[in-house]
Amino acid sequence: MKTPKSLEPLVRDGLVDEVIRPLKSGKEAAVYVVLSEGEIRCAKVYKEANKRGFHKQSLYQEGRKVRNTRQARAMEKNTSFGRKQQEEVWQNAEVDALYRLAAAGVRVPQPYNFVEGVLLMELVTDEHGSAAPRLNDLVLTREEAIEYHGILIKEVVRMLCAGIVHGDLSEFNVLVDAHGPVIIDLPQAVDAAANNNAPGMLERDVNNMAAYFGRFAPELLATSYGKEIWKIYESGNLTPDVKLTGHFKSSNKQADVHSIMREINDARDDAIRRKYEHED
């Protein structure tokens, strides 16, 4: 295929040998399958802020590091330079999160390079070598739902141990390869210690997982892993091997089911909207 303009610098620099085909395109980014260093990988090309569909960014930007006071002032004043810097911080959030999480053993695509708004990373594939499906594309048995839910709760814990909350975790941001779930799409990832919204985001991420897997295993709707995980994190005792119960002392199981469904409505609407954007 013809090389997209956004990937031409990487081809010139020898970082990409060949652009094979488009993989998906949404409001936030376009993803291509490429040949790089003799391996099939993917290239995520971030779109300009005015072409993105993701909103409520201010909640995610709290606590993100900027290079200097000039950059911070420009971002606060929303000047053209400030908007450019804000975009750079937004893109770097995913790149930094991927490197940190991969190093911590979280199942995310392995990042390889980030050049001029393009992220080169591992192409997650199924057992046949094709691009892995999203969790939302699968029909699960009760046993599979319980297994995958347990795996993802452990991944959420491992992420938090690395100081990161996904912030937008749903069935649309999880791929399933031959070995199980892989977490993707992290431009909205937040620093757990620096963002005051982190506890609520963590709970929403966990509730999203309970709501989705609860379609196949309804008993998962009564769990309260989010509150339990955050309480242990705040106590300083959270480790990747922590034993969780799925319950929280102040919670009431009957009330939890309704509360969970209320809390995820906004996130669910956002996730469904992004699904259709990717399919456009």
C-alpha atoms as a PDB file:
ATOM      1  CA  MET A   1       0.000   0.000   0.000  1.00  0.00           C
ATOM      2  CA  LYS A   2       1.018   3.633  -0.389  1.00  0.00           C
ATOM      3  CA  THR A   3       2.898   4.915   2.642  1.00  0.00           C
ATOM      4  CA  PRO A   4       0.758   7.334   4.694  1.00  0.00           C
ATOM      5  CA  LYS A   5       2.361  10.754   5.054  1.00  0.00           C
ATOM      6  CA  SER A   6       2.509  10.351   8.833  1.00  0.00           C
ATOM      7  CA  LEU A   7       4.726   7.266   8.455  1.00  0.00           C
ATOM      8  CA  GLU A   8       7.068   8.627   5.790  1.00  0.00           C
ATOM      9  CA  PRO A   9       9.659   9.932   8.342  1.00  0.00           C
ATOM     10  CA  LEU A  10       9.896   6.469   9.943  1.00  0.00           C
ATOM     11  CA  VAL A  11      10.379   4.841   6.536  1.00  0.00           C
ATOM     12  CA  ARG A  12      13.106   7.368   5.653  1.00  0.00           C
ATOM     13  CA  ASP A  13      14.867   6.724   8.973  1.00  0.00           C
ATOM     14  CA  GLY A  14      14.711   2.945   8.505  1.00  0.00           C
ATOM     15  CA  LEU A  15      12.452   2.371  11.495  1.00  0.00           C
ATOM     16  CA  VAL A  16       9.710   1.015   9.225  1.00  0.00           C
ATOM     17  CA  ASP A  17      10.599  -1.184   6.248  1.00  0.00           C
ATOM     18  CA  GLU A  18       7.101  -1.485   4.826  1.00  0.00           C
ATOM     19  CA  VAL A  19       3.545  -0.386   5.598  1.00  0.00           C
ATOM     20  CA  ILE A  20       1.460  -3.521   5.070  1.00  0.00           C
ATOM     21  CA  ARG A  21      -2.126  -2.436   5.721  1.00  0.00           C
ATOM     22  CA  PRO A  22      -4.385  -0.318   7.922  1.00  0.00           C
ATOM     23  CA  LEU A  23      -5.534  -2.109  11.083  1.00  0.00           C
ATOM     24  CA  LYS A  24      -8.060   0.306  12.544  1.00  0.00           C
ATOM     25  CA  SER A  25      -8.858   3.996  12.679  1.00  0.00           C
ATOM     26  CA  GLY A  26     -10.679   5.956  15.334  1.00  0.00           C
ATOM     27  CA  LYS A  27     -11.006   9.525  16.560  1.00  0.00           C
ATOM     28  CA  GLU A  28      -7.833   9.309  18.659  1.00  0.00           C
ATOM     29  CA  ALA A  29      -5.460   7.406  16.396  1.00  0.00           C
ATOM     30  CA  ALA A  30      -4.984   5.349  13.256  1.00  0.00           C
ATOM     31  CA  VAL A  31      -3.151   2.024  13.539  1.00  0.00           C
ATOM     32  CA  TYR A  32      -1.224   0.316  10.733  1.00  0.00           C
ATOM     33  CA  VAL A  33       0.385  -3.103  10.422  1.00  0.00           C
ATOM     34  CA  VAL A  34       4.024  -2.569   9.457  1.00  0.00           C
ATOM     35  CA  LEU A  35       7.256  -4.461   8.906  1.00  0.00           C
ATOM     36  CA  SER A  36       9.928  -3.138  11.265  1.00  0.00           C
ATOM     37  CA  GLU A  37      13.361  -4.651  11.926  1.00  0.00           C
ATOM     38  CA  GLY A  38      12.215  -7.840  10.231  1.00  0.00           C
ATOM     39  CA  GLU A  39       9.161  -8.214  12.490  1.00  0.00           C
ATOM     40  CA  ILE A  40       5.469  -7.594  11.952  1.00  0.00           C
ATOM     41  CA  ARG A  41       4.504  -4.781  14.312  1.00  0.00           C
ATOM     42  CA  CYS A  42       1.955  -2.019  14.478  1.00  0.00           C
ATOM     43  CA  ALA A  43       2.323   1.740  14.210  1.00  0.00           C
ATOM     44  CA  LYS A  44      -0.114   3.917  16.145  1.00  0.00           C
ATOM     45  CA  VAL A  45      -0.432   7.369  14.609  1.00  0.00           C
ATOM     46  CA  TYR A  46      -1.965   9.888  17.010  1.00  0.00           C
ATOM     47  CA  LYS A  47      -4.443  12.322  15.540  1.00  0.00           C
ATOM     48  CA  GLU A  48      -4.565  16.029  16.288  1.00  0.00           C
ATOM     49  CA  ALA A  49      -6.492  17.076  19.369  1.00  0.00           C
ATOM     50  CA  ASN A  50      -9.254  18.767  17.361  1.00  0.00           C
ATOM     51  CA  LYS A  51      -9.874  15.493  15.520  1.00  0.00           C
ATOM     52  CA  ARG A  52     -10.099  13.334  18.624  1.00  0.00           C
ATOM     53  CA  GLY A  53     -13.339  12.225  20.221  1.00  0.00           C
ATOM     54  CA  PHE A  54     -12.114  11.653  23.777  1.00  0.00           C
ATOM     55  CA  HIS A  55     -13.419  14.202  26.259  1.00  0.00           C
ATOM     56  CA  LYS A  56     -13.086  15.093  29.944  1.00  0.00           C
ATOM     57  CA  GLN A  57      -9.322  15.254  29.446  1.00  0.00           C
ATOM     58  CA  SER A  58      -8.816  17.623  32.389  1.00  0.00           C
ATOM     59  CA  LEU A  59      -9.557  14.761  34.796  1.00  0.00           C
ATOM     60  CA  TYR A  60      -6.681  12.777  33.338  1.00  0.00           C
ATOM     61  CA  GLN A  61      -4.170  15.609  33.002  1.00  0.00           C
ATOM     62  CA  GLU A  62      -3.934  16.326  36.727  1.00  0.00           C
ATOM     63  CA  GLY A  63      -0.511  15.383  38.045  1.00  0.00           C
ATOM     64  CA  ARG A  64       1.107  14.865  34.650  1.00  0.00           C
ATOM     65  CA  LYS A  65       4.647  16.160  34.461  1.00  0.00           C
ATOM     66  CA  VAL A  66       5.644  19.009  32.168  1.00  0.00           C
ATOM     67  CA  ARG A  67       9.168  19.988  31.172  1.00  0.00           C
ATOM     68  CA  ASN A  68       9.265  23.521  32.582  1.00  0.00           C
ATOM     69  CA  THR A  69       7.220  26.448  33.908  1.00  0.00           C
ATOM     70  CA  ARG A  70       6.931  28.001  30.427  1.00  0.00           C
ATOM     71  CA  GLN A  71       5.239  24.849  29.168  1.00  0.00           C
ATOM     72  CA  ALA A  72       2.938  24.758  32.198  1.00  0.00           C
ATOM     73  CA  ARG A  73       1.914  28.431  31.795  1.00  0.00           C
ATOM     74  CA  ALA A  74       1.212  27.991  28.093  1.00  0.00           C
ATOM     75  CA  MET A  75      -0.960  24.964  28.804  1.00  0.00           C
ATOM     76  CA  GLU A  76      -2.893  26.863  31.470  1.00  0.00           C
ATOM     77  CA  LYS A  77      -3.489  29.808  29.096  1.00  0.00           C
ATOM     78  CA  ASN A  78      -4.457  27.431  26.263  1.00  0.00           C
ATOM     79  CA  THR A  79      -2.252  29.235  23.751  1.00  0.00           C
ATOM     80  CA  SER A  80      -1.392  27.567  20.425  1.00  0.00           C
ATOM     81  CA  PHE A  81       1.982  26.607  21.898  1.00  0.00           C
ATOM     82  CA  GLY A  82       0.223  25.388  25.029  1.00  0.00           C
ATOM     83  CA  ARG A  83      -2.163  23.220  23.040  1.00  0.00           C
ATOM     84  CA  LYS A  84       0.784  21.712  21.188  1.00  0.00           C
ATOM     85  CA  GLN A  85       2.512  20.980  24.481  1.00  0.00           C
ATOM     86  CA  GLN A  86      -0.685  19.552  25.923  1.00  0.00           C
ATOM     87  CA  GLU A  87      -0.902  17.209  22.961  1.00  0.00           C
ATOM     88  CA  GLU A  88       2.702  16.125  23.511  1.00  0.00           C
ATOM     89  CA  VAL A  89       2.019  15.384  27.181  1.00  0.00           C
ATOM     90  CA  TRP A  90      -1.116  13.413  26.201  1.00  0.00           C
ATOM     91  CA  GLN A  91       0.791  11.225  23.746  1.00  0.00           C
ATOM     92  CA  ASN A  92       3.743  10.733  26.060  1.00  0.00           C
ATOM     93  CA  ALA A  93       1.395   9.488  28.791  1.00  0.00           C
ATOM     94  CA  GLU A  94       0.650   6.323  26.821  1.00  0.00           C
ATOM     95  CA  VAL A  95       4.266   5.806  25.775  1.00  0.00           C
ATOM     96  CA  ASP A  96       5.538   6.195  29.340  1.00  0.00           C
ATOM     97  CA  ALA A  97       2.776   3.972  30.719  1.00  0.00           C
ATOM     98  CA  LEU A  98       3.520   1.192  28.214  1.00  0.00           C
ATOM     99  CA  TYR A  99       7.229   1.159  29.042  1.00  0.00           C
ATOM    100  CA  ARG A 100       6.563   1.199  32.790  1.00  0.00           C
ATOM    101  CA  LEU A 101       3.884  -1.483  32.645  1.00  0.00           C
ATOM    102  CA  ALA A 102       5.831  -3.771  30.300  1.00  0.00           C
ATOM    103  CA  ALA A 103       8.792  -3.538  32.682  1.00  0.00           C
ATOM    104  CA  ALA A 104       6.475  -4.412  35.588  1.00  0.00           C
ATOM    105  CA  GLY A 105       5.240  -7.542  33.835  1.00  0.00           C
ATOM    106  CA  VAL A 106       1.767  -6.254  32.939  1.00  0.00           C
ATOM    107  CA  ARG A 107       0.359  -7.755  29.743  1.00  0.00           C
ATOM    108  CA  VAL A 108       0.430  -4.760  27.406  1.00  0.00           C
ATOM    109  CA  PRO A 109       1.811  -4.460  23.866  1.00  0.00           C
ATOM    110  CA  GLN A 110       5.604  -4.156  23.985  1.00  0.00           C
ATOM    111  CA  PRO A 111       6.609  -0.624  22.890  1.00  0.00           C
ATOM    112  CA  TYR A 112       9.644  -0.250  20.610  1.00  0.00           C
ATOM    113  CA  ASN A 113       9.902   3.393  19.594  1.00  0.00           C
ATOM    114  CA  PHE A 114       8.092   6.716  19.609  1.00  0.00           C
ATOM    115  CA  VAL A 115       8.924   9.171  16.843  1.00  0.00           C
ATOM    116  CA  GLU A 116       7.050  12.295  15.680  1.00  0.00           C
ATOM    117  CA  GLY A 117       3.681  11.267  17.046  1.00  0.00           C
ATOM    118  CA  VAL A 118       3.963   7.628  15.965  1.00  0.00           C
ATOM    119  CA  LEU A 119       4.226   4.773  18.454  1.00  0.00           C
ATOM    120  CA  LEU A 120       5.813   1.558  17.175  1.00  0.00           C
ATOM    121  CA  MET A 121       4.764  -1.428  19.240  1.00  0.00           C
ATOM    122  CA  GLU A 122       4.034  -5.126  19.266  1.00  0.00           C
ATOM    123  CA  LEU A 123       1.169  -6.412  17.150  1.00  0.00           C
ATOM    124  CA  VAL A 124      -0.935  -8.592  19.453  1.00  0.00           C
ATOM    125  CA  THR A 125      -2.066 -11.691  17.538  1.00  0.00           C
ATOM    126  CA  ASP A 126      -4.258 -14.732  18.061  1.00  0.00           C
ATOM    127  CA  GLU A 127      -3.117 -18.338  17.765  1.00  0.00           C
ATOM    128  CA  HIS A 128      -3.361 -18.102  13.958  1.00  0.00           C
ATOM    129  CA  GLY A 129      -1.161 -15.019  13.677  1.00  0.00           C
ATOM    130  CA  SER A 130      -4.050 -12.680  12.869  1.00  0.00           C
ATOM    131  CA  ALA A 131      -4.694  -9.483  14.815  1.00  0.00           C
ATOM    132  CA  ALA A 132      -6.147 -10.489  18.187  1.00  0.00           C
ATOM    133  CA  PRO A 133      -9.870  -9.769  18.748  1.00  0.00           C
ATOM    134  CA  ARG A 134     -11.152  -7.337  21.337  1.00  0.00           C
ATOM    135  CA  LEU A 135     -12.748  -8.826  24.413  1.00  0.00           C
ATOM    136  CA  ASN A 136     -16.067  -7.357  23.318  1.00  0.00           C
ATOM    137  CA  ASP A 137     -15.980  -9.464  20.145  1.00  0.00           C
ATOM    138  CA  LEU A 138     -15.997 -12.748  22.062  1.00  0.00           C
ATOM    139  CA  VAL A 139     -18.816 -14.851  23.470  1.00  0.00           C
ATOM    140  CA  LEU A 140     -17.618 -16.372  26.736  1.00  0.00           C
ATOM    141  CA  THR A 141     -18.645 -19.295  28.872  1.00  0.00           C
ATOM    142  CA  ARG A 142     -19.222 -18.674  32.564  1.00  0.00           C
ATOM    143  CA  GLU A 143     -15.907 -20.362  33.331  1.00  0.00           C
ATOM    144  CA  GLU A 144     -14.011 -18.239  30.790  1.00  0.00           C
ATOM    145  CA  ALA A 145     -15.606 -15.062  32.136  1.00  0.00           C
ATOM    146  CA  ILE A 146     -14.541 -15.880  35.700  1.00  0.00           C
ATOM    147  CA  GLU A 147     -11.031 -16.800  34.531  1.00  0.00           C
ATOM    148  CA  TYR A 148     -10.522 -13.657  32.426  1.00  0.00           C
ATOM    149  CA  HIS A 149     -12.027 -11.439  35.118  1.00  0.00           C
ATOM    150  CA  GLY A 150      -9.588 -12.867  37.659  1.00  0.00           C
ATOM    151  CA  ILE A 151      -6.661 -12.310  35.300  1.00  0.00           C
ATOM    152  CA  LEU A 152      -7.627  -8.706  34.635  1.00  0.00           C
ATOM    153  CA  ILE A 153      -8.130  -7.913  38.319  1.00  0.00           C
ATOM    154  CA  LYS A 154      -4.576  -9.151  38.900  1.00  0.00           C
ATOM    155  CA  GLU A 155      -3.375  -6.970  36.022  1.00  0.00           C
ATOM    156  CA  VAL A 156      -5.135  -3.939  37.541  1.00  0.00           C
ATOM    157  CA  VAL A 157      -3.326  -4.676  40.808  1.00  0.00           C
ATOM    158  CA  ARG A 158       0.016  -5.066  39.026  1.00  0.00           C
ATOM    159  CA  MET A 159      -0.594  -1.761  37.228  1.00  0.00           C
ATOM    160  CA  LEU A 160      -1.349  -0.003  40.496  1.00  0.00           C
ATOM    161  CA  CYS A 161       1.785  -1.472  42.053  1.00  0.00           C
ATOM    162  CA  ALA A 162       3.622   0.252  39.191  1.00  0.00           C
ATOM    163  CA  GLY A 163       1.831   3.487  40.124  1.00  0.00           C
ATOM    164  CA  ILE A 164      -0.602   3.571  37.192  1.00  0.00           C
ATOM    165  CA  VAL A 165      -4.385   3.503  36.803  1.00  0.00           C
ATOM    166  CA  HIS A 166      -5.677   2.787  33.284  1.00  0.00           C
ATOM    167  CA  GLY A 167      -8.547   5.251  33.616  1.00  0.00           C
ATOM    168  CA  ASP A 168     -10.615   3.923  30.714  1.00  0.00           C
ATOM    169  CA  LEU A 169     -10.550   0.148  31.058  1.00  0.00           C
ATOM    170  CA  SER A 170     -13.406  -1.663  29.339  1.00  0.00           C
ATOM    171  CA  GLU A 171     -14.052  -4.649  27.103  1.00  0.00           C
ATOM    172  CA  PHE A 172     -13.157  -2.423  24.139  1.00  0.00           C
ATOM    173  CA  ASN A 173      -9.636  -1.789  25.489  1.00  0.00           C
ATOM    174  CA  VAL A 174      -8.666  -5.422  26.050  1.00  0.00           C
ATOM    175  CA  LEU A 175      -7.404  -7.790  23.358  1.00  0.00           C
ATOM    176  CA  VAL A 176      -7.334 -11.558  23.805  1.00  0.00           C
ATOM    177  CA  ASP A 177      -4.390 -13.457  22.331  1.00  0.00           C
ATOM    178  CA  ALA A 178      -3.483 -17.130  22.605  1.00  0.00           C
ATOM    179  CA  HIS A 179      -2.410 -16.612  26.228  1.00  0.00           C
ATOM    180  CA  GLY A 180      -5.291 -14.469  27.468  1.00  0.00           C
ATOM    181  CA  PRO A 181      -6.149 -10.773  27.945  1.00  0.00           C
ATOM    182  CA  VAL A 182      -3.816  -7.948  26.871  1.00  0.00           C
ATOM    183  CA  ILE A 183      -4.574  -4.377  27.993  1.00  0.00           C
ATOM    184  CA  ILE A 184      -4.345  -1.636  25.351  1.00  0.00           C
ATOM    185  CA  ASP A 185      -5.105   2.071  24.771  1.00  0.00           C
ATOM    186  CA  LEU A 186      -3.433   3.987  27.587  1.00  0.00           C
ATOM    187  CA  PRO A 187      -3.276   7.693  26.600  1.00  0.00           C
ATOM    188  CA  GLN A 188      -5.584   8.471  29.528  1.00  0.00           C
ATOM    189  CA  ALA A 189      -3.486   6.518  32.074  1.00  0.00           C
ATOM    190  CA  VAL A 190      -2.931   8.469  35.286  1.00  0.00           C
ATOM    191  CA  ASP A 191      -0.341   8.535  38.037  1.00  0.00           C
ATOM    192  CA  ALA A 192      -2.067   6.947  41.019  1.00  0.00           C
ATOM    193  CA  ALA A 193      -0.175   9.084  43.544  1.00  0.00           C
ATOM    194  CA  ALA A 194      -0.454  12.403  41.699  1.00  0.00           C
ATOM    195  CA  ASN A 195      -4.052  12.451  40.443  1.00  0.00           C
ATOM    196  CA  ASN A 196      -6.859  12.989  42.950  1.00  0.00           C
ATOM    197  CA  ASN A 197      -9.282  11.302  40.563  1.00  0.00           C
ATOM    198  CA  ALA A 198      -7.294   8.040  40.589  1.00  0.00           C
ATOM    199  CA  PRO A 199      -9.406   6.223  43.233  1.00  0.00           C
ATOM    200  CA  GLY A 200     -12.627   6.844  41.327  1.00  0.00           C
ATOM    201  CA  MET A 201     -11.011   5.902  38.029  1.00  0.00           C
ATOM    202  CA  LEU A 202      -9.676   2.660  39.460  1.00  0.00           C
ATOM    203  CA  GLU A 203     -13.085   1.768  40.854  1.00  0.00           C
ATOM    204  CA  ARG A 204     -14.749   2.563  37.531  1.00  0.00           C
ATOM    205  CA  ASP A 205     -12.205   0.407  35.657  1.00  0.00           C
ATOM    206  CA  VAL A 206     -12.898  -2.505  37.987  1.00  0.00           C
ATOM    207  CA  ASN A 207     -16.653  -1.960  37.864  1.00  0.00           C
ATOM    208  CA  ASN A 208     -16.515  -1.967  34.056  1.00  0.00           C
ATOM    209  CA  MET A 209     -14.885  -5.381  34.195  1.00  0.00           C
ATOM    210  CA  ALA A 210     -17.468  -6.673  36.663  1.00  0.00           C
ATOM    211  CA  ALA A 211     -20.322  -5.368  34.520  1.00  0.00           C
ATOM    212  CA  TYR A 212     -18.986  -6.917  31.329  1.00  0.00           C
ATOM    213  CA  PHE A 213     -18.045 -10.312  32.740  1.00  0.00           C
ATOM    214  CA  GLY A 214     -21.219 -10.239  34.839  1.00  0.00           C
ATOM    215  CA  ARG A 215     -23.166 -10.811  31.631  1.00  0.00           C
ATOM    216  CA  PHE A 216     -21.721 -14.319  31.572  1.00  0.00           C
ATOM    217  CA  ALA A 217     -21.179 -14.848  35.307  1.00  0.00           C
ATOM    218  CA  PRO A 218     -23.757 -12.731  37.233  1.00  0.00           C
ATOM    219  CA  GLU A 219     -22.129 -13.392  40.602  1.00  0.00           C
ATOM    220  CA  LEU A 220     -19.300 -11.038  39.584  1.00  0.00           C
ATOM    221  CA  LEU A 221     -21.729  -8.091  39.775  1.00  0.00           C
ATOM    222  CA  ALA A 222     -21.751  -8.339  43.582  1.00  0.00           C
ATOM    223  CA  THR A 223     -17.975  -7.952  43.960  1.00  0.00           C
ATOM    224  CA  SER A 224     -16.230  -4.813  45.253  1.00  0.00           C
ATOM    225  CA  TYR A 225     -12.634  -5.293  44.150  1.00  0.00           C
ATOM    226  CA  GLY A 226     -12.068  -1.612  43.365  1.00  0.00           C
ATOM    227  CA  LYS A 227     -12.627  -0.324  46.891  1.00  0.00           C
ATOM    228  CA  GLU A 228     -10.692  -3.244  48.362  1.00  0.00           C
ATOM    229  CA  ILE A 229      -7.699  -2.742  46.070  1.00  0.00           C
ATOM    230  CA  TRP A 230      -7.509   0.992  46.723  1.00  0.00           C
ATOM    231  CA  LYS A 231      -7.776   0.551  50.479  1.00  0.00           C
ATOM    232  CA  ILE A 232      -4.855  -1.890  50.453  1.00  0.00           C
ATOM    233  CA  TYR A 233      -2.889   0.453  48.149  1.00  0.00           C
ATOM    234  CA  GLU A 234      -3.430   3.384  50.517  1.00  0.00           C
ATOM    235  CA  SER A 235      -2.211   1.261  53.412  1.00  0.00           C
ATOM    236  CA  GLY A 236       1.069   0.620  51.584  1.00  0.00           C
ATOM    237  CA  ASN A 237       0.537  -3.144  51.553  1.00  0.00           C
ATOM    238  CA  LEU A 238      -0.411  -3.714  47.922  1.00  0.00           C
ATOM    239  CA  THR A 239       1.738  -6.257  46.080  1.00  0.00           C
ATOM    240  CA  PRO A 240       1.186  -8.124  42.799  1.00  0.00           C
ATOM    241  CA  ASP A 241       0.526 -11.293  44.813  1.00  0.00           C
ATOM    242  CA  VAL A 242      -1.963  -9.772  47.253  1.00  0.00           C
ATOM    243  CA  LYS A 243      -4.881 -12.027  48.199  1.00  0.00           C
ATOM    244  CA  LEU A 244      -8.202 -10.319  47.494  1.00  0.00           C
ATOM    245  CA  THR A 245     -11.678 -11.245  48.686  1.00  0.00           C
ATOM    246  CA  GLY A 246     -13.748  -9.164  46.282  1.00  0.00           C
ATOM    247  CA  HIS A 247     -15.645  -7.673  49.222  1.00  0.00           C
ATOM    248  CA  PHE A 248     -15.449  -4.404  51.113  1.00  0.00           C
ATOM    249  CA  LYS A 249     -16.638  -4.004  54.686  1.00  0.00           C
ATOM    250  CA  SER A 250     -18.830  -0.969  54.171  1.00  0.00           C
ATOM    251  CA  SER A 251     -20.512  -2.348  51.064  1.00  0.00           C
ATOM    252  CA  ASN A 252     -23.869  -4.084  50.824  1.00  0.00           C
ATOM    253  CA  LYS A 253     -24.057  -6.747  48.133  1.00  0.00           C
ATOM    254  CA  GLN A 254     -27.647  -6.048  47.081  1.00  0.00           C
ATOM    255  CA  ALA A 255     -26.990  -2.325  46.818  1.00  0.00           C
ATOM    256  CA  ASP A 256     -23.679  -2.882  45.056  1.00  0.00           C
ATOM    257  CA  VAL A 257     -25.282  -4.375  41.955  1.00  0.00           C
ATOM    258  CA  HIS A 258     -27.394  -1.262  41.341  1.00  0.00           C
ATOM    259  CA  SER A 259     -24.561   1.071  42.293  1.00  0.00           C
ATOM    260  CA  ILE A 260     -22.193  -0.604  39.867  1.00  0.00           C
ATOM    261  CA  MET A 261     -24.637  -0.271  36.996  1.00  0.00           C
ATOM    262  CA  ARG A 262     -25.215   3.418  37.750  1.00  0.00           C
ATOM    263  CA  GLU A 263     -21.525   4.244  38.040  1.00  0.00           C
ATOM    264  CA  ILE A 264     -20.543   2.684  34.718  1.00  0.00           C
ATOM    265  CA  ASN A 265     -23.195   4.368  32.563  1.00  0.00           C
ATOM    266  CA  ASP A 266     -21.002   7.292  31.467  1.00  0.00           C
ATOM    267  CA  ALA A 267     -18.002   5.074  30.846  1.00  0.00           C
ATOM    268  CA  ARG A 268     -20.145   2.546  28.983  1.00  0.00           C
ATOM    269  CA  ASP A 269     -21.548   5.253  26.709  1.00  0.00           C
ATOM    270  CA  ASP A 270     -18.016   6.472  25.987  1.00  0.00           C
ATOM    271  CA  ALA A 271     -16.792   2.962  25.249  1.00  0.00           C
ATOM    272  CA  ILE A 272     -19.698   2.165  22.913  1.00  0.00           C
ATOM    273  CA  ARG A 273     -19.200   5.463  21.117  1.00  0.00           C
ATOM    274  CA  ARG A 274     -15.506   4.706  20.573  1.00  0.00           C
ATOM    275  CA  LYS A 275     -16.365   1.228  19.321  1.00  0.00           C
ATOM    276  CA  TYR A 276     -18.468   2.658  16.518  1.00  0.00           C
ATOM    277  CA  GLU A 277     -15.823   5.293  15.802  1.00  0.00           C
ATOM    278  CA  HIS A 278     -13.249   2.534  15.285  1.00  0.00           C
ATOM    279  CA  GLU A 279     -15.624   0.773  12.913  1.00  0.00           C
ATOM    280  CA  ASP A 280     -16.296   3.874  10.816  1.00  0.00           C
END
